[in-house]
Amino acid sequence: MTRHQLPRIGATLCLAAFFLAFSGTGWSIEPPILSDSAVTMTQGEYETMAMDFGKSYVSPLNVPASAFRSDGVNPDQLRTSTHYDELHGMGVENAIAVAPVYLPQGANVSMVGVQVFDGVGTTGPCGDDPLQRDVWVQLLRVNNYTGEYFTMASFSTTGLDPDYQYFVEMSVDYPLVFYPDYSYYAVTKVCHSAHAFCAMQIFYTVD
């Protein structure tokens, strides 16, 4: 794995509010308005259209901290900072967060970069075990039929650093994106409140 300095990865968090009318019997939701422009396609036509639209995707794909959710273990140990769009721990236990990664069919992943912060030294609630002391990030592909997962790129801090850390992996394993056999996920582990996952960038080409 190669470590490089990159410009700070920024992300914009857009918030949308939806208001539902509440009645005495529960939420009242209006039925959707059907579109007159919707077209029925065969599977072959749909796959061809999806392939053509996939070629218009622009690399890199940014996966911000706001896209991540708890894996279900210790969800109360995750905290999202909306000001900087960062994912932090709470200083008690390890917490793992997962985000789906939507890459176009047939894409070839050439490079993965992450931005993290690790302000934890050798003391504190997460300081005794290096696995707890460090922030790690992975890009995974998961076999949709067996559940088996494969690591495409993996990163880990190695202790306290007063600055943001930037890692780049240019030797990506299993780089070819193939649906419907596989799904793709970004995973990060934080523990301390001085841990921060900021963003992942995935660089790819589509022929």
C-alpha atoms as a PDB file:
ATOM      1  CA  MET A   1       0.000   0.000   0.000  1.00  0.00           C
ATOM      2  CA  THR A   2       1.299   3.457  -0.905  1.00  0.00           C
ATOM      3  CA  ARG A   3       0.686   6.486   1.293  1.00  0.00           C
ATOM      4  CA  HIS A   4       0.359   9.817  -0.508  1.00  0.00           C
ATOM      5  CA  GLN A   5      -0.690  13.321   0.422  1.00  0.00           C
ATOM      6  CA  LEU A   6      -3.789  14.416  -1.464  1.00  0.00           C
ATOM      7  CA  PRO A   7      -5.928  17.554  -1.352  1.00  0.00           C
ATOM      8  CA  ARG A   8      -8.524  17.267   1.403  1.00  0.00           C
ATOM      9  CA  ILE A   9     -11.601  15.429   0.245  1.00  0.00           C
ATOM     10  CA  GLY A  10     -14.681  17.536   0.757  1.00  0.00           C
ATOM     11  CA  ALA A  11     -18.286  16.467   0.891  1.00  0.00           C
ATOM     12  CA  THR A  12     -21.514  18.433   0.884  1.00  0.00           C
ATOM     13  CA  LEU A  13     -24.348  17.185   3.011  1.00  0.00           C
ATOM     14  CA  CYS A  14     -27.722  18.085   1.552  1.00  0.00           C
ATOM     15  CA  LEU A  15     -30.660  17.811   3.906  1.00  0.00           C
ATOM     16  CA  ALA A  16     -34.223  17.417   2.656  1.00  0.00           C
ATOM     17  CA  ALA A  17     -37.315  17.523   4.860  1.00  0.00           C
ATOM     18  CA  PHE A  18     -40.529  15.751   3.987  1.00  0.00           C
ATOM     19  CA  PHE A  19     -43.719  16.576   5.859  1.00  0.00           C
ATOM     20  CA  LEU A  20     -46.514  14.034   6.190  1.00  0.00           C
ATOM     21  CA  ALA A  21     -50.027  14.826   7.359  1.00  0.00           C
ATOM     22  CA  PHE A  22     -50.901  12.949  10.513  1.00  0.00           C
ATOM     23  CA  SER A  23     -54.480  11.851  11.101  1.00  0.00           C
ATOM     24  CA  GLY A  24     -56.157  10.136  14.010  1.00  0.00           C
ATOM     25  CA  THR A  25     -55.590   6.733  12.460  1.00  0.00           C
ATOM     26  CA  GLY A  26     -51.874   7.205  11.624  1.00  0.00           C
ATOM     27  CA  TRP A  27     -49.795   8.653   8.849  1.00  0.00           C
ATOM     28  CA  SER A  28     -51.731   9.689   5.750  1.00  0.00           C
ATOM     29  CA  ILE A  29     -49.616   9.149   2.619  1.00  0.00           C
ATOM     30  CA  GLU A  30     -50.870  10.113  -0.828  1.00  0.00           C
ATOM     31  CA  PRO A  31     -50.496   7.430  -3.535  1.00  0.00           C
ATOM     32  CA  PRO A  32     -47.757   8.112  -6.109  1.00  0.00           C
ATOM     33  CA  ILE A  33     -48.633   9.836  -9.362  1.00  0.00           C
ATOM     34  CA  LEU A  34     -47.843   7.466 -12.232  1.00  0.00           C
ATOM     35  CA  SER A  35     -45.562   8.850 -14.929  1.00  0.00           C
ATOM     36  CA  ASP A  36     -46.800   9.003 -18.526  1.00  0.00           C
ATOM     37  CA  SER A  37     -43.195   8.782 -19.780  1.00  0.00           C
ATOM     38  CA  ALA A  38     -42.362   5.392 -18.218  1.00  0.00           C
ATOM     39  CA  VAL A  39     -41.503   2.686 -20.766  1.00  0.00           C
ATOM     40  CA  THR A  40     -41.691  -1.101 -20.529  1.00  0.00           C
ATOM     41  CA  MET A  41     -38.497  -2.883 -21.599  1.00  0.00           C
ATOM     42  CA  THR A  42     -37.312  -6.423 -22.064  1.00  0.00           C
ATOM     43  CA  GLN A  43     -34.443  -7.632 -19.901  1.00  0.00           C
ATOM     44  CA  GLY A  44     -32.031  -7.313 -22.850  1.00  0.00           C
ATOM     45  CA  GLU A  45     -33.142  -3.752 -23.632  1.00  0.00           C
ATOM     46  CA  TYR A  46     -32.816  -2.796 -19.963  1.00  0.00           C
ATOM     47  CA  GLU A  47     -29.317  -4.282 -19.679  1.00  0.00           C
ATOM     48  CA  THR A  48     -28.188  -2.464 -22.837  1.00  0.00           C
ATOM     49  CA  MET A  49     -29.579   0.841 -21.591  1.00  0.00           C
ATOM     50  CA  ALA A  50     -27.990   0.349 -18.158  1.00  0.00           C
ATOM     51  CA  MET A  51     -24.625  -0.358 -19.792  1.00  0.00           C
ATOM     52  CA  ASP A  52     -24.839   2.779 -21.935  1.00  0.00           C
ATOM     53  CA  PHE A  53     -25.840   4.964 -18.995  1.00  0.00           C
ATOM     54  CA  GLY A  54     -23.095   3.385 -16.902  1.00  0.00           C
ATOM     55  CA  LYS A  55     -20.497   4.711 -19.319  1.00  0.00           C
ATOM     56  CA  SER A  56     -21.549   8.263 -18.470  1.00  0.00           C
ATOM     57  CA  TYR A  57     -20.534   7.909 -14.808  1.00  0.00           C
ATOM     58  CA  VAL A  58     -17.716  10.227 -13.806  1.00  0.00           C
ATOM     59  CA  SER A  59     -14.702   8.974 -11.850  1.00  0.00           C
ATOM     60  CA  PRO A  60     -13.929   9.290  -9.002  1.00  0.00           C
ATOM     61  CA  LEU A  61     -16.873   8.087  -6.960  1.00  0.00           C
ATOM     62  CA  ASN A  62     -16.952   9.870  -3.581  1.00  0.00           C
ATOM     63  CA  VAL A  63     -18.267   7.984  -0.544  1.00  0.00           C
ATOM     64  CA  PRO A  64     -18.712  10.550   2.279  1.00  0.00           C
ATOM     65  CA  ALA A  65     -19.033   9.839   5.988  1.00  0.00           C
ATOM     66  CA  SER A  66     -22.739  10.711   5.853  1.00  0.00           C
ATOM     67  CA  ALA A  67     -23.335   7.648   3.626  1.00  0.00           C
ATOM     68  CA  PHE A  68     -22.292   5.248   6.430  1.00  0.00           C
ATOM     69  CA  ARG A  69     -24.567   3.460   8.899  1.00  0.00           C
ATOM     70  CA  SER A  70     -23.825   1.121  11.812  1.00  0.00           C
ATOM     71  CA  ASP A  71     -23.374  -2.577  11.069  1.00  0.00           C
ATOM     72  CA  GLY A  72     -25.726  -3.183  14.011  1.00  0.00           C
ATOM     73  CA  VAL A  73     -23.070  -3.770  16.695  1.00  0.00           C
ATOM     74  CA  ASN A  74     -22.525  -0.898  19.160  1.00  0.00           C
ATOM     75  CA  PRO A  75     -24.573   1.588  17.095  1.00  0.00           C
ATOM     76  CA  ASP A  76     -24.625   3.999  20.032  1.00  0.00           C
ATOM     77  CA  GLN A  77     -20.830   4.233  19.793  1.00  0.00           C
ATOM     78  CA  LEU A  78     -20.971   6.089  16.460  1.00  0.00           C
ATOM     79  CA  ARG A  79     -21.291   9.851  16.141  1.00  0.00           C
ATOM     80  CA  THR A  80     -21.564  11.846  12.930  1.00  0.00           C
ATOM     81  CA  SER A  81     -20.186  15.362  12.816  1.00  0.00           C
ATOM     82  CA  THR A  82     -22.357  17.180  10.288  1.00  0.00           C
ATOM     83  CA  HIS A  83     -20.156  20.294  10.342  1.00  0.00           C
ATOM     84  CA  TYR A  84     -17.184  18.499   8.766  1.00  0.00           C
ATOM     85  CA  ASP A  85     -19.059  15.365   7.620  1.00  0.00           C
ATOM     86  CA  GLU A  86     -16.933  13.005   9.712  1.00  0.00           C
ATOM     87  CA  LEU A  87     -17.678   9.751  11.523  1.00  0.00           C
ATOM     88  CA  HIS A  88     -16.349   9.518  15.109  1.00  0.00           C
ATOM     89  CA  GLY A  89     -16.337   6.974  17.916  1.00  0.00           C
ATOM     90  CA  MET A  90     -17.496   7.632  21.471  1.00  0.00           C
ATOM     91  CA  GLY A  91     -14.370   6.472  23.308  1.00  0.00           C
ATOM     92  CA  VAL A  92     -15.769   3.239  24.799  1.00  0.00           C
ATOM     93  CA  GLU A  93     -15.963   0.382  22.269  1.00  0.00           C
ATOM     94  CA  ASN A  94     -15.152  -0.341  18.646  1.00  0.00           C
ATOM     95  CA  ALA A  95     -17.913   0.581  16.230  1.00  0.00           C
ATOM     96  CA  ILE A  96     -18.119  -0.446  12.593  1.00  0.00           C
ATOM     97  CA  ALA A  97     -20.001   1.477   9.924  1.00  0.00           C
ATOM     98  CA  VAL A  98     -20.876   0.366   6.388  1.00  0.00           C
ATOM     99  CA  ALA A  99     -21.828   2.235   3.210  1.00  0.00           C
ATOM    100  CA  PRO A 100     -23.015   0.781  -0.106  1.00  0.00           C
ATOM    101  CA  VAL A 101     -20.790   1.614  -3.076  1.00  0.00           C
ATOM    102  CA  TYR A 102     -22.550   2.075  -6.408  1.00  0.00           C
ATOM    103  CA  LEU A 103     -20.058   1.588  -9.224  1.00  0.00           C
ATOM    104  CA  PRO A 104     -21.108   1.166 -12.876  1.00  0.00           C
ATOM    105  CA  GLN A 105     -21.227  -2.307 -14.402  1.00  0.00           C
ATOM    106  CA  GLY A 106     -17.925  -3.259 -16.015  1.00  0.00           C
ATOM    107  CA  ALA A 107     -15.919  -0.553 -14.262  1.00  0.00           C
ATOM    108  CA  ASN A 108     -12.257  -1.281 -13.588  1.00  0.00           C
ATOM    109  CA  VAL A 109     -11.191   0.159 -10.228  1.00  0.00           C
ATOM    110  CA  SER A 110      -7.682   1.555 -10.608  1.00  0.00           C
ATOM    111  CA  MET A 111      -7.140   3.386  -7.313  1.00  0.00           C
ATOM    112  CA  VAL A 112      -8.810   3.903  -3.921  1.00  0.00           C
ATOM    113  CA  GLY A 113      -8.066   6.804  -1.586  1.00  0.00           C
ATOM    114  CA  VAL A 114      -9.267   7.547   1.941  1.00  0.00           C
ATOM    115  CA  GLN A 115      -9.020  10.474   4.333  1.00  0.00           C
ATOM    116  CA  VAL A 116      -8.990   9.750   8.080  1.00  0.00           C
ATOM    117  CA  PHE A 117      -7.842  11.303  11.340  1.00  0.00           C
ATOM    118  CA  ASP A 118      -6.311   9.435  14.270  1.00  0.00           C
ATOM    119  CA  GLY A 119      -5.648  11.589  17.315  1.00  0.00           C
ATOM    120  CA  VAL A 120      -5.296   8.650  19.714  1.00  0.00           C
ATOM    121  CA  GLY A 121      -1.879   7.815  21.183  1.00  0.00           C
ATOM    122  CA  THR A 122      -1.159   5.012  23.645  1.00  0.00           C
ATOM    123  CA  THR A 123      -3.489   6.048  26.462  1.00  0.00           C
ATOM    124  CA  GLY A 124      -7.206   6.459  26.967  1.00  0.00           C
ATOM    125  CA  PRO A 125     -10.241   4.155  26.643  1.00  0.00           C
ATOM    126  CA  CYS A 126      -9.111   2.853  23.239  1.00  0.00           C
ATOM    127  CA  GLY A 127      -5.382   2.989  23.848  1.00  0.00           C
ATOM    128  CA  ASP A 128      -4.487  -0.464  25.194  1.00  0.00           C
ATOM    129  CA  ASP A 129      -5.109  -2.543  22.086  1.00  0.00           C
ATOM    130  CA  PRO A 130      -3.650  -1.414  18.730  1.00  0.00           C
ATOM    131  CA  LEU A 131      -6.742  -2.783  16.981  1.00  0.00           C
ATOM    132  CA  GLN A 132      -8.797  -0.330  19.028  1.00  0.00           C
ATOM    133  CA  ARG A 133      -6.242   2.449  18.885  1.00  0.00           C
ATOM    134  CA  ASP A 134      -6.185   2.622  15.074  1.00  0.00           C
ATOM    135  CA  VAL A 135      -8.748   3.628  12.454  1.00  0.00           C
ATOM    136  CA  TRP A 136      -9.179   1.189   9.597  1.00  0.00           C
ATOM    137  CA  VAL A 137     -11.070   1.334   6.313  1.00  0.00           C
ATOM    138  CA  GLN A 138     -11.805  -1.327   3.701  1.00  0.00           C
ATOM    139  CA  LEU A 139     -13.423  -1.569   0.296  1.00  0.00           C
ATOM    140  CA  LEU A 140     -15.162  -4.939  -0.033  1.00  0.00           C
ATOM    141  CA  ARG A 141     -16.998  -6.902  -2.677  1.00  0.00           C
ATOM    142  CA  VAL A 142     -19.567  -9.419  -1.439  1.00  0.00           C
ATOM    143  CA  ASN A 143     -20.797 -12.471  -3.334  1.00  0.00           C
ATOM    144  CA  ASN A 144     -24.564 -12.063  -3.460  1.00  0.00           C
ATOM    145  CA  TYR A 145     -25.139 -15.830  -3.629  1.00  0.00           C
ATOM    146  CA  THR A 146     -22.747 -17.137  -0.959  1.00  0.00           C
ATOM    147  CA  GLY A 147     -22.161 -14.129   1.305  1.00  0.00           C
ATOM    148  CA  GLU A 148     -18.404 -14.561   0.933  1.00  0.00           C
ATOM    149  CA  TYR A 149     -16.539 -11.253   0.918  1.00  0.00           C
ATOM    150  CA  PHE A 150     -13.267 -10.181  -0.669  1.00  0.00           C
ATOM    151  CA  THR A 151     -11.061  -7.239   0.310  1.00  0.00           C
ATOM    152  CA  MET A 152     -10.343  -4.961  -2.639  1.00  0.00           C
ATOM    153  CA  ALA A 153      -8.378  -2.334  -0.674  1.00  0.00           C
ATOM    154  CA  SER A 154      -7.504  -1.966   3.015  1.00  0.00           C
ATOM    155  CA  PHE A 155      -6.082   0.904   5.075  1.00  0.00           C
ATOM    156  CA  SER A 156      -5.097   1.447   8.707  1.00  0.00           C
ATOM    157  CA  THR A 157      -3.568   4.236  10.736  1.00  0.00           C
ATOM    158  CA  THR A 158      -0.619   3.457  12.979  1.00  0.00           C
ATOM    159  CA  GLY A 159      -1.083   5.776  15.891  1.00  0.00           C
ATOM    160  CA  LEU A 160      -1.433   9.426  16.764  1.00  0.00           C
ATOM    161  CA  ASP A 161      -0.987  12.002  14.016  1.00  0.00           C
ATOM    162  CA  PRO A 162      -1.901  15.683  14.582  1.00  0.00           C
ATOM    163  CA  ASP A 163      -2.897  16.036  10.922  1.00  0.00           C
ATOM    164  CA  TYR A 164      -5.388  14.363   8.623  1.00  0.00           C
ATOM    165  CA  GLN A 165      -3.948  11.257   7.016  1.00  0.00           C
ATOM    166  CA  TYR A 166      -4.405  10.355   3.359  1.00  0.00           C
ATOM    167  CA  PHE A 167      -3.892   6.841   2.035  1.00  0.00           C
ATOM    168  CA  VAL A 168      -3.940   5.682  -1.564  1.00  0.00           C
ATOM    169  CA  GLU A 169      -4.013   2.085  -2.801  1.00  0.00           C
ATOM    170  CA  MET A 170      -2.997   1.658  -6.433  1.00  0.00           C
ATOM    171  CA  SER A 171      -2.886  -2.164  -6.396  1.00  0.00           C
ATOM    172  CA  VAL A 172      -6.584  -2.937  -6.054  1.00  0.00           C
ATOM    173  CA  ASP A 173      -7.595  -6.594  -5.777  1.00  0.00           C
ATOM    174  CA  TYR A 174     -10.653  -7.849  -7.709  1.00  0.00           C
ATOM    175  CA  PRO A 175     -10.880  -4.526  -9.594  1.00  0.00           C
ATOM    176  CA  LEU A 176     -13.554  -5.509 -12.155  1.00  0.00           C
ATOM    177  CA  VAL A 177     -17.110  -4.571 -11.133  1.00  0.00           C
ATOM    178  CA  PHE A 178     -19.540  -7.339 -12.006  1.00  0.00           C
ATOM    179  CA  TYR A 179     -23.284  -7.414 -11.330  1.00  0.00           C
ATOM    180  CA  PRO A 180     -25.457  -9.189 -10.279  1.00  0.00           C
ATOM    181  CA  ASP A 181     -22.913 -11.584  -8.767  1.00  0.00           C
ATOM    182  CA  TYR A 182     -21.361  -9.014  -6.421  1.00  0.00           C
ATOM    183  CA  SER A 183     -22.275  -5.994  -4.322  1.00  0.00           C
ATOM    184  CA  TYR A 184     -19.733  -3.444  -3.122  1.00  0.00           C
ATOM    185  CA  TYR A 185     -19.339  -1.825   0.290  1.00  0.00           C
ATOM    186  CA  ALA A 186     -17.057   0.577   2.128  1.00  0.00           C
ATOM    187  CA  VAL A 187     -16.417  -0.322   5.783  1.00  0.00           C
ATOM    188  CA  THR A 188     -14.711   1.690   8.517  1.00  0.00           C
ATOM    189  CA  LYS A 189     -13.907   1.076  12.188  1.00  0.00           C
ATOM    190  CA  VAL A 190     -13.572   3.868  14.747  1.00  0.00           C
ATOM    191  CA  CYS A 191     -13.448   3.816  18.527  1.00  0.00           C
ATOM    192  CA  HIS A 192     -12.255   7.047  20.098  1.00  0.00           C
ATOM    193  CA  SER A 193     -13.881  10.466  19.783  1.00  0.00           C
ATOM    194  CA  ALA A 194     -10.518  11.558  18.343  1.00  0.00           C
ATOM    195  CA  HIS A 195     -10.936   9.039  15.523  1.00  0.00           C
ATOM    196  CA  ALA A 196     -12.505  10.323  12.310  1.00  0.00           C
ATOM    197  CA  PHE A 197     -13.390   8.754   9.005  1.00  0.00           C
ATOM    198  CA  CYS A 198     -13.854  11.525   6.462  1.00  0.00           C
ATOM    199  CA  ALA A 199     -14.276  10.115   2.951  1.00  0.00           C
ATOM    200  CA  MET A 200     -13.329   7.479   0.409  1.00  0.00           C
ATOM    201  CA  GLN A 201     -12.647   8.150  -3.264  1.00  0.00           C
ATOM    202  CA  ILE A 202     -12.770   5.362  -5.827  1.00  0.00           C
ATOM    203  CA  PHE A 203     -11.071   5.985  -9.183  1.00  0.00           C
ATOM    204  CA  TYR A 204     -12.121   3.788 -12.091  1.00  0.00           C
ATOM    205  CA  THR A 205     -12.392   3.507 -15.851  1.00  0.00           C
ATOM    206  CA  VAL A 206     -15.236   2.173 -17.984  1.00  0.00           C
ATOM    207  CA  ASP A 207     -14.512   0.844 -21.501  1.00  0.00           C
END
